[in-house]
Amino acid sequence: MEKNRPCIILEQPGTRYYCACGKSGTQPHCDGSHKGSGLHPWKVEIETEKKVAICTCGISKKLPFCDGAHKTLG
């Protein structure tokens, strides 16, 4: 996964946990690597199958989703 570009994936309905620490080996999904860091994954309910763009730069105002904020980075 390339840093500062969204991770675009097709998600199925259900509960998803997206990584907030950047250490997960299953990016963009959480694998528990945050334990002890004080950070917690973003819990999202996906209602219908859809493509989602998950933020990897960390500055989106719609976390865990991308809002294009990475375009302002140098």
PDB file of N, CA and C in Angstrom:
ATOM      1  N   MET A   1       0.847  -1.179   0.000  1.00  0.00           N
ATOM      2  CA  MET A   1       0.000   0.000   0.000  1.00  0.00           C
ATOM      3  C   MET A   1       0.891   1.240   0.000  1.00  0.00           C
ATOM      4  N   GLU A   2       0.599   2.158  -0.885  1.00  0.00           N
ATOM      5  CA  GLU A   2       1.407   3.358  -1.003  1.00  0.00           C
ATOM      6  C   GLU A   2       0.947   4.420  -0.005  1.00  0.00           C
ATOM      7  N   LYS A   3       1.890   4.961   0.746  1.00  0.00           N
ATOM      8  CA  LYS A   3       1.592   5.986   1.750  1.00  0.00           C
ATOM      9  C   LYS A   3       1.096   7.254   1.063  1.00  0.00           C
ATOM     10  N   ASN A   4       0.139   7.912   1.672  1.00  0.00           N
ATOM     11  CA  ASN A   4      -0.438   9.173   1.207  1.00  0.00           C
ATOM     12  C   ASN A   4      -1.265   9.049  -0.062  1.00  0.00           C
ATOM     13  N   ARG A   5      -1.737   7.843  -0.356  1.00  0.00           N
ATOM     14  CA  ARG A   5      -2.715   7.617  -1.421  1.00  0.00           C
ATOM     15  C   ARG A   5      -3.782   6.725  -0.816  1.00  0.00           C
ATOM     16  N   PRO A   6      -5.036   6.956  -1.140  1.00  0.00           N
ATOM     17  CA  PRO A   6      -6.074   6.125  -0.530  1.00  0.00           C
ATOM     18  C   PRO A   6      -5.965   4.668  -0.958  1.00  0.00           C
ATOM     19  N   CYS A   7      -6.414   3.811  -0.094  1.00  0.00           N
ATOM     20  CA  CYS A   7      -6.511   2.384  -0.393  1.00  0.00           C
ATOM     21  C   CYS A   7      -7.962   2.150  -0.814  1.00  0.00           C
ATOM     22  N   ILE A   8      -8.165   1.827  -2.079  1.00  0.00           N
ATOM     23  CA  ILE A   8      -9.521   1.649  -2.594  1.00  0.00           C
ATOM     24  C   ILE A   8      -9.833   0.157  -2.644  1.00  0.00           C
ATOM     25  N   ILE A   9     -10.898  -0.215  -1.944  1.00  0.00           N
ATOM     26  CA  ILE A   9     -11.267  -1.629  -1.853  1.00  0.00           C
ATOM     27  C   ILE A   9     -12.778  -1.792  -1.995  1.00  0.00           C
ATOM     28  N   LEU A  10     -13.172  -2.961  -2.444  1.00  0.00           N
ATOM     29  CA  LEU A  10     -14.588  -3.318  -2.508  1.00  0.00           C
ATOM     30  C   LEU A  10     -14.936  -4.025  -1.204  1.00  0.00           C
ATOM     31  N   GLU A  11     -15.812  -3.414  -0.432  1.00  0.00           N
ATOM     32  CA  GLU A  11     -16.210  -3.992   0.854  1.00  0.00           C
ATOM     33  C   GLU A  11     -17.585  -4.632   0.750  1.00  0.00           C
ATOM     34  N   GLN A  12     -17.757  -5.691   1.507  1.00  0.00           N
ATOM     35  CA  GLN A  12     -19.032  -6.391   1.631  1.00  0.00           C
ATOM     36  C   GLN A  12     -19.754  -5.868   2.874  1.00  0.00           C
ATOM     37  N   PRO A  13     -21.055  -6.049   2.946  1.00  0.00           N
ATOM     38  CA  PRO A  13     -21.797  -5.608   4.138  1.00  0.00           C
ATOM     39  C   PRO A  13     -21.253  -6.250   5.414  1.00  0.00           C
ATOM     40  N   GLY A  14     -21.256  -5.468   6.479  1.00  0.00           N
ATOM     41  CA  GLY A  14     -20.817  -5.969   7.784  1.00  0.00           C
ATOM     42  C   GLY A  14     -19.996  -4.938   8.533  1.00  0.00           C
ATOM     43  N   THR A  15     -19.516  -5.315   9.692  1.00  0.00           N
ATOM     44  CA  THR A  15     -18.699  -4.447  10.529  1.00  0.00           C
ATOM     45  C   THR A  15     -17.249  -4.556  10.090  1.00  0.00           C
ATOM     46  N   ARG A  16     -16.597  -3.430   9.889  1.00  0.00           N
ATOM     47  CA  ARG A  16     -15.186  -3.391   9.505  1.00  0.00           C
ATOM     48  C   ARG A  16     -14.435  -2.531  10.525  1.00  0.00           C
ATOM     49  N   TYR A  17     -13.199  -2.934  10.773  1.00  0.00           N
ATOM     50  CA  TYR A  17     -12.319  -2.179  11.657  1.00  0.00           C
ATOM     51  C   TYR A  17     -11.106  -1.764  10.839  1.00  0.00           C
ATOM     52  N   TYR A  18     -10.923  -0.456  10.661  1.00  0.00           N
ATOM     53  CA  TYR A  18      -9.820   0.064   9.860  1.00  0.00           C
ATOM     54  C   TYR A  18      -8.692   0.559  10.764  1.00  0.00           C
ATOM     55  N   CYS A  19      -7.475   0.268  10.355  1.00  0.00           N
ATOM     56  CA  CYS A  19      -6.279   0.604  11.113  1.00  0.00           C
ATOM     57  C   CYS A  19      -6.151   2.112  11.324  1.00  0.00           C
ATOM     58  N   ALA A  20      -5.819   2.503  12.546  1.00  0.00           N
ATOM     59  CA  ALA A  20      -5.591   3.911  12.868  1.00  0.00           C
ATOM     60  C   ALA A  20      -4.136   4.171  13.250  1.00  0.00           C
ATOM     61  N   CYS A  21      -3.347   3.102  13.447  1.00  0.00           N
ATOM     62  CA  CYS A  21      -1.975   3.277  13.930  1.00  0.00           C
ATOM     63  C   CYS A  21      -0.928   3.181  12.820  1.00  0.00           C
ATOM     64  N   GLY A  22      -1.301   2.573  11.695  1.00  0.00           N
ATOM     65  CA  GLY A  22      -0.359   2.410  10.589  1.00  0.00           C
ATOM     66  C   GLY A  22       0.544   1.195  10.710  1.00  0.00           C
ATOM     67  N   LYS A  23       0.366   0.382  11.745  1.00  0.00           N
ATOM     68  CA  LYS A  23       1.250  -0.769  11.979  1.00  0.00           C
ATOM     69  C   LYS A  23       0.655  -2.098  11.531  1.00  0.00           C
ATOM     70  N   SER A  24      -0.609  -2.117  11.151  1.00  0.00           N
ATOM     71  CA  SER A  24      -1.274  -3.362  10.803  1.00  0.00           C
ATOM     72  C   SER A  24      -0.625  -4.029   9.597  1.00  0.00           C
ATOM     73  N   GLY A  25      -0.474  -5.323   9.666  1.00  0.00           N
ATOM     74  CA  GLY A  25       0.040  -6.095   8.540  1.00  0.00           C
ATOM     75  C   GLY A  25      -1.050  -6.433   7.539  1.00  0.00           C
ATOM     76  N   THR A  26      -2.290  -6.079   7.881  1.00  0.00           N
ATOM     77  CA  THR A  26      -3.427  -6.344   6.999  1.00  0.00           C
ATOM     78  C   THR A  26      -4.092  -5.042   6.554  1.00  0.00           C
ATOM     79  N   GLN A  27      -3.294  -4.003   6.347  1.00  0.00           N
ATOM     80  CA  GLN A  27      -3.812  -2.699   5.941  1.00  0.00           C
ATOM     81  C   GLN A  27      -4.783  -2.840   4.782  1.00  0.00           C
ATOM     82  N   PRO A  28      -5.856  -2.095   4.744  1.00  0.00           N
ATOM     83  CA  PRO A  28      -6.213  -1.042   5.681  1.00  0.00           C
ATOM     84  C   PRO A  28      -6.976  -1.540   6.904  1.00  0.00           C
ATOM     85  N   HIS A  29      -7.147  -2.852   7.016  1.00  0.00           N
ATOM     86  CA  HIS A  29      -7.885  -3.406   8.150  1.00  0.00           C
ATOM     87  C   HIS A  29      -6.980  -3.554   9.374  1.00  0.00           C
ATOM     88  N   CYS A  30      -7.579  -3.487  10.533  1.00  0.00           N
ATOM     89  CA  CYS A  30      -6.862  -3.624  11.801  1.00  0.00           C
ATOM     90  C   CYS A  30      -6.527  -5.085  12.071  1.00  0.00           C
ATOM     91  N   ASP A  31      -5.315  -5.335  12.553  1.00  0.00           N
ATOM     92  CA  ASP A  31      -4.938  -6.694  12.974  1.00  0.00           C
ATOM     93  C   ASP A  31      -4.556  -6.741  14.453  1.00  0.00           C
ATOM     94  N   GLY A  32      -4.807  -5.654  15.180  1.00  0.00           N
ATOM     95  CA  GLY A  32      -4.510  -5.608  16.613  1.00  0.00           C
ATOM     96  C   GLY A  32      -3.127  -5.093  16.950  1.00  0.00           C
ATOM     97  N   SER A  33      -2.355  -4.682  15.952  1.00  0.00           N
ATOM     98  CA  SER A  33      -0.982  -4.196  16.192  1.00  0.00           C
ATOM     99  C   SER A  33      -0.931  -2.938  17.045  1.00  0.00           C
ATOM    100  N   HIS A  34      -2.049  -2.239  17.192  1.00  0.00           N
ATOM    101  CA  HIS A  34      -2.103  -1.005  17.974  1.00  0.00           C
ATOM    102  C   HIS A  34      -2.069  -1.249  19.483  1.00  0.00           C
ATOM    103  N   LYS A  35      -2.255  -2.481  19.910  1.00  0.00           N
ATOM    104  CA  LYS A  35      -2.360  -2.766  21.348  1.00  0.00           C
ATOM    105  C   LYS A  35      -1.214  -2.131  22.135  1.00  0.00           C
ATOM    106  N   GLY A  36      -1.597  -1.408  23.189  1.00  0.00           N
ATOM    107  CA  GLY A  36      -0.625  -0.739  24.034  1.00  0.00           C
ATOM    108  C   GLY A  36      -0.244   0.651  23.563  1.00  0.00           C
ATOM    109  N   SER A  37      -0.741   1.066  22.396  1.00  0.00           N
ATOM    110  CA  SER A  37      -0.370   2.375  21.845  1.00  0.00           C
ATOM    111  C   SER A  37      -1.320   3.487  22.275  1.00  0.00           C
ATOM    112  N   GLY A  38      -2.482   3.114  22.789  1.00  0.00           N
ATOM    113  CA  GLY A  38      -3.490   4.116  23.138  1.00  0.00           C
ATOM    114  C   GLY A  38      -4.386   4.462  21.960  1.00  0.00           C
ATOM    115  N   LEU A  39      -4.085   3.922  20.788  1.00  0.00           N
ATOM    116  CA  LEU A  39      -4.915   4.158  19.609  1.00  0.00           C
ATOM    117  C   LEU A  39      -5.923   3.016  19.473  1.00  0.00           C
ATOM    118  N   HIS A  40      -6.993   3.283  18.759  1.00  0.00           N
ATOM    119  CA  HIS A  40      -8.033   2.288  18.536  1.00  0.00           C
ATOM    120  C   HIS A  40      -8.449   2.332  17.079  1.00  0.00           C
ATOM    121  N   PRO A  41      -8.851   1.199  16.500  1.00  0.00           N
ATOM    122  CA  PRO A  41      -9.268   1.192  15.106  1.00  0.00           C
ATOM    123  C   PRO A  41     -10.592   1.929  14.922  1.00  0.00           C
ATOM    124  N   TRP A  42     -10.839   2.350  13.680  1.00  0.00           N
ATOM    125  CA  TRP A  42     -12.122   2.963  13.339  1.00  0.00           C
ATOM    126  C   TRP A  42     -13.100   1.844  13.032  1.00  0.00           C
ATOM    127  N   LYS A  43     -14.235   1.828  13.709  1.00  0.00           N
ATOM    128  CA  LYS A  43     -15.280   0.837  13.480  1.00  0.00           C
ATOM    129  C   LYS A  43     -16.289   1.435  12.509  1.00  0.00           C
ATOM    130  N   VAL A  44     -16.556   0.706  11.421  1.00  0.00           N
ATOM    131  CA  VAL A  44     -17.476   1.196  10.388  1.00  0.00           C
ATOM    132  C   VAL A  44     -18.461   0.087  10.041  1.00  0.00           C
ATOM    133  N   GLU A  45     -19.726   0.445   9.918  1.00  0.00           N
ATOM    134  CA  GLU A  45     -20.762  -0.476   9.456  1.00  0.00           C
ATOM    135  C   GLU A  45     -20.960  -0.251   7.966  1.00  0.00           C
ATOM    136  N   ILE A  46     -20.693  -1.272   7.184  1.00  0.00           N
ATOM    137  CA  ILE A  46     -20.915  -1.216   5.740  1.00  0.00           C
ATOM    138  C   ILE A  46     -22.291  -1.843   5.494  1.00  0.00           C
ATOM    139  N   GLU A  47     -23.199  -1.057   4.933  1.00  0.00           N
ATOM    140  CA  GLU A  47     -24.579  -1.524   4.764  1.00  0.00           C
ATOM    141  C   GLU A  47     -24.785  -2.323   3.487  1.00  0.00           C
ATOM    142  N   THR A  48     -24.132  -1.915   2.402  1.00  0.00           N
ATOM    143  CA  THR A  48     -24.263  -2.608   1.128  1.00  0.00           C
ATOM    144  C   THR A  48     -22.884  -2.716   0.484  1.00  0.00           C
ATOM    145  N   GLU A  49     -22.706  -3.687  -0.397  1.00  0.00           N
ATOM    146  CA  GLU A  49     -21.434  -3.822  -1.097  1.00  0.00           C
ATOM    147  C   GLU A  49     -21.111  -2.508  -1.804  1.00  0.00           C
ATOM    148  N   LYS A  50     -19.882  -2.008  -1.591  1.00  0.00           N
ATOM    149  CA  LYS A  50     -19.479  -0.758  -2.238  1.00  0.00           C
ATOM    150  C   LYS A  50     -17.972  -0.605  -2.190  1.00  0.00           C
ATOM    151  N   LYS A  51     -17.462   0.228  -3.097  1.00  0.00           N
ATOM    152  CA  LYS A  51     -16.051   0.594  -3.067  1.00  0.00           C
ATOM    153  C   LYS A  51     -15.879   1.704  -2.052  1.00  0.00           C
ATOM    154  N   VAL A  52     -14.824   1.580  -1.258  1.00  0.00           N
ATOM    155  CA  VAL A  52     -14.492   2.623  -0.288  1.00  0.00           C
ATOM    156  C   VAL A  52     -13.038   3.031  -0.487  1.00  0.00           C
ATOM    157  N   ALA A  53     -12.747   4.284  -0.217  1.00  0.00           N
ATOM    158  CA  ALA A  53     -11.385   4.806  -0.289  1.00  0.00           C
ATOM    159  C   ALA A  53     -10.957   5.101   1.146  1.00  0.00           C
ATOM    160  N   ILE A  54     -10.010   4.313   1.656  1.00  0.00           N
ATOM    161  CA  ILE A  54      -9.550   4.448   3.032  1.00  0.00           C
ATOM    162  C   ILE A  54      -8.308   5.336   3.065  1.00  0.00           C
ATOM    163  N   CYS A  55      -8.329   6.333   3.926  1.00  0.00           N
ATOM    164  CA  CYS A  55      -7.230   7.299   4.058  1.00  0.00           C
ATOM    165  C   CYS A  55      -5.963   6.623   4.583  1.00  0.00           C
ATOM    166  N   THR A  56      -4.820   6.965   3.994  1.00  0.00           N
ATOM    167  CA  THR A  56      -3.530   6.490   4.513  1.00  0.00           C
ATOM    168  C   THR A  56      -2.633   7.645   4.947  1.00  0.00           C
ATOM    169  N   CYS A  57      -3.041   8.895   4.658  1.00  0.00           N
ATOM    170  CA  CYS A  57      -2.194  10.037   5.033  1.00  0.00           C
ATOM    171  C   CYS A  57      -2.491  10.518   6.453  1.00  0.00           C
ATOM    172  N   GLY A  58      -3.697  10.241   6.952  1.00  0.00           N
ATOM    173  CA  GLY A  58      -4.055  10.613   8.314  1.00  0.00           C
ATOM    174  C   GLY A  58      -4.592  12.008   8.499  1.00  0.00           C
ATOM    175  N   ILE A  59      -4.767  12.785   7.411  1.00  0.00           N
ATOM    176  CA  ILE A  59      -5.251  14.160   7.587  1.00  0.00           C
ATOM    177  C   ILE A  59      -6.653  14.387   7.031  1.00  0.00           C
ATOM    178  N   SER A  60      -7.305  13.340   6.580  1.00  0.00           N
ATOM    179  CA  SER A  60      -8.676  13.460   6.087  1.00  0.00           C
ATOM    180  C   SER A  60      -9.581  13.942   7.212  1.00  0.00           C
ATOM    181  N   LYS A  61     -10.560  14.734   6.871  1.00  0.00           N
ATOM    182  CA  LYS A  61     -11.549  15.181   7.857  1.00  0.00           C
ATOM    183  C   LYS A  61     -12.701  14.188   7.953  1.00  0.00           C
ATOM    184  N   LYS A  62     -12.631  13.095   7.164  1.00  0.00           N
ATOM    185  CA  LYS A  62     -13.680  12.075   7.169  1.00  0.00           C
ATOM    186  C   LYS A  62     -13.119  10.712   7.564  1.00  0.00           C
ATOM    187  N   LEU A  63     -12.077  10.670   8.375  1.00  0.00           N
ATOM    188  CA  LEU A  63     -11.438   9.409   8.742  1.00  0.00           C
ATOM    189  C   LEU A  63     -12.451   8.372   9.197  1.00  0.00           C
ATOM    190  N   PRO A  64     -12.300   7.143   8.762  1.00  0.00           N
ATOM    191  CA  PRO A  64     -11.171   6.564   8.068  1.00  0.00           C
ATOM    192  C   PRO A  64     -11.212   6.731   6.547  1.00  0.00           C
ATOM    193  N   PHE A  65     -12.203   7.451   6.048  1.00  0.00           N
ATOM    194  CA  PHE A  65     -12.345   7.593   4.606  1.00  0.00           C
ATOM    195  C   PHE A  65     -11.534   8.755   4.056  1.00  0.00           C
ATOM    196  N   CYS A  66     -11.093   8.627   2.829  1.00  0.00           N
ATOM    197  CA  CYS A  66     -10.317   9.658   2.148  1.00  0.00           C
ATOM    198  C   CYS A  66     -11.228  10.797   1.704  1.00  0.00           C
ATOM    199  N   ASP A  67     -10.780  12.032   1.896  1.00  0.00           N
ATOM    200  CA  ASP A  67     -11.509  13.194   1.383  1.00  0.00           C
ATOM    201  C   ASP A  67     -10.664  13.992   0.392  1.00  0.00           C
ATOM    202  N   GLY A  68      -9.522  13.420  -0.022  1.00  0.00           N
ATOM    203  CA  GLY A  68      -8.642  14.095  -0.983  1.00  0.00           C
ATOM    204  C   GLY A  68      -7.621  14.997  -0.337  1.00  0.00           C
ATOM    205  N   ALA A  69      -7.561  15.063   0.982  1.00  0.00           N
ATOM    206  CA  ALA A  69      -6.622  15.946   1.672  1.00  0.00           C
ATOM    207  C   ALA A  69      -5.166  15.641   1.335  1.00  0.00           C
ATOM    208  N   HIS A  70      -4.856  14.406   0.956  1.00  0.00           N
ATOM    209  CA  HIS A  70      -3.480  14.025   0.625  1.00  0.00           C
ATOM    210  C   HIS A  70      -2.929  14.835  -0.549  1.00  0.00           C
ATOM    211  N   LYS A  71      -3.806  15.406  -1.341  1.00  0.00           N
ATOM    212  CA  LYS A  71      -3.377  16.203  -2.498  1.00  0.00           C
ATOM    213  C   LYS A  71      -2.682  17.494  -2.089  1.00  0.00           C
ATOM    214  N   THR A  72      -2.864  17.899  -0.811  1.00  0.00           N
ATOM    215  CA  THR A  72      -2.232  19.126  -0.329  1.00  0.00           C
ATOM    216  C   THR A  72      -0.821  18.878   0.214  1.00  0.00           C
ATOM    217  N   LEU A  73      -0.430  17.608   0.314  1.00  0.00           N
ATOM    218  CA  LEU A  73       0.898  17.264   0.835  1.00  0.00           C
ATOM    219  C   LEU A  73       1.955  17.431  -0.250  1.00  0.00           C
ATOM    220  N   GLY A  74       3.168  17.820   0.151  1.00  0.00           N
ATOM    221  CA  GLY A  74       4.252  18.068  -0.809  1.00  0.00           C
ATOM    222  C   GLY A  74       4.937  16.899  -1.354  1.00  0.00           C
TER     223      GLY A  74
END
